[in-house]
Amino acid sequence: MKLKFQANQKDDFFTVVKKRVEQDFAIQAKSCHANWQMWLKTLLLLVAYVTCYGALISNSFSFNGVLLLYCGLGIIKPLIGFNVTHDALHGAYSHHHKLNRFLGYSFDINGTSSYIWKITHNVLHHTYTNIPGHDSDIDKAIWLRLSPKDEVYWFHRYQPYYAPFLYCLTSLNWILFFDPVWFYRGAINGKVPPKDTAIFTTLKIFSLFFFIGLPMYLLSLSWWQVLLGYFCMQFVGGFMIALVFQLAHIVESVAFPEPDSVGRMANNWATHELLTTSNFATHNRVLSYFLGGLNFQIEHHLFPNVCHVHYPHISKIVKKTTEEFGLPYNEQPTFFQAIGSHFRMLGKLGRGEILSNPEVREDL
């Protein structure tokens, strides 16, 4: 079923907040893309990445040291993803399309597909946030119940306890199963251009060689020790990625709106995003720095083409405007409060509790 959001009115929230944000950038004569702080952060992350990988393949460390270096890469990889790749794939890093695309390929070099991400995340998730059957981020395998519409099984009661272990498998699932199957089906059905299939296959092979093949060749370790290191890297990275993204949409304050019988949503798109999205720990500058502004998820969903370094500033404009329009601005004060809310939400979903959606505004 094709979904349809209500049309924005002339005095609608999004029309006003968008105009205010654009005027603010114009008054300050600033670009909405990366600034020197973003470029410096990119450089520091690149240096950390190269240094850690160089130490890994130097053959100067014992097995325990190699495991730690693989885990270090497992931390740096998602940090690059949060801060650089995510912005680039949204076109927010630079106004130069080719630079965004080039930086976006860091996603593929690390084993996952930027092509698939732009479809499942940029299009499906950002358009149909928390809508069961349409948002790929909540439509998961049977083991996790992340939507009130999913069937409840007896083991879901325990999902707050086993979910962290499944989160660790996020990257491995993308690399070894989801991405290859998605591209295979797309290529068979002619829905994926041959050029993109070739890029995906080439960079997938390069990634496996980069993180497994070359270390096996250069290090004085057995093959299983290198593989264990690789799996540890993916476990650490997968857990970080899954947890951070879950804190924005699977918490107690958000809604899971559904369309009516003909596919009409009760609200316009921007109001829908406010109802289904939550910020967390926005006053924690250190966390905001390392998470690439993903804790300012409301601002990101409303302005995905704005570089995250500007989110702390424009959040003041967004919050003030929501108050004027009587709309919700969901946020968890701290990182650990957001984690607690997420796992309580997993418990409620796992027990099949009937969740009451926050009050919505109908723009009919």
Foldseek 3Di string as FASTA:
>chain_A
DDADEDDADCPGLLVVLVVVVVVVCVVVVHDLADDPVLVVLLVVLVVQLCVLLCVLLVQPDDLVVNLVSLQSNLQSLVLLVLAPLLLLLLQQHDVDVVVSVVSVCSCLLQQAASVVCCPLPVPQCLQQPLAPPGRPLQPDPPQAHQHLPDDADQNLLCCLPCVLVVLLCQRVCRRPPDVVVVLVVCVVVVNDDPVSSVSNVVSNVNNCCSQQVSSCVRYPDHNVSSVVSNSSSSSSNSSVVSLLVLLWFQFQQAFNFYAPPVNYTQHHRLLNLQRRTEAEQLVPPVVCSSSQQSSLVSVCSSCVNGGNVCSSVSVVSSVVSCVVVVGHHHYHNHPVSSVVRNSVSSNCSNVSHDRDRPDGDGPD
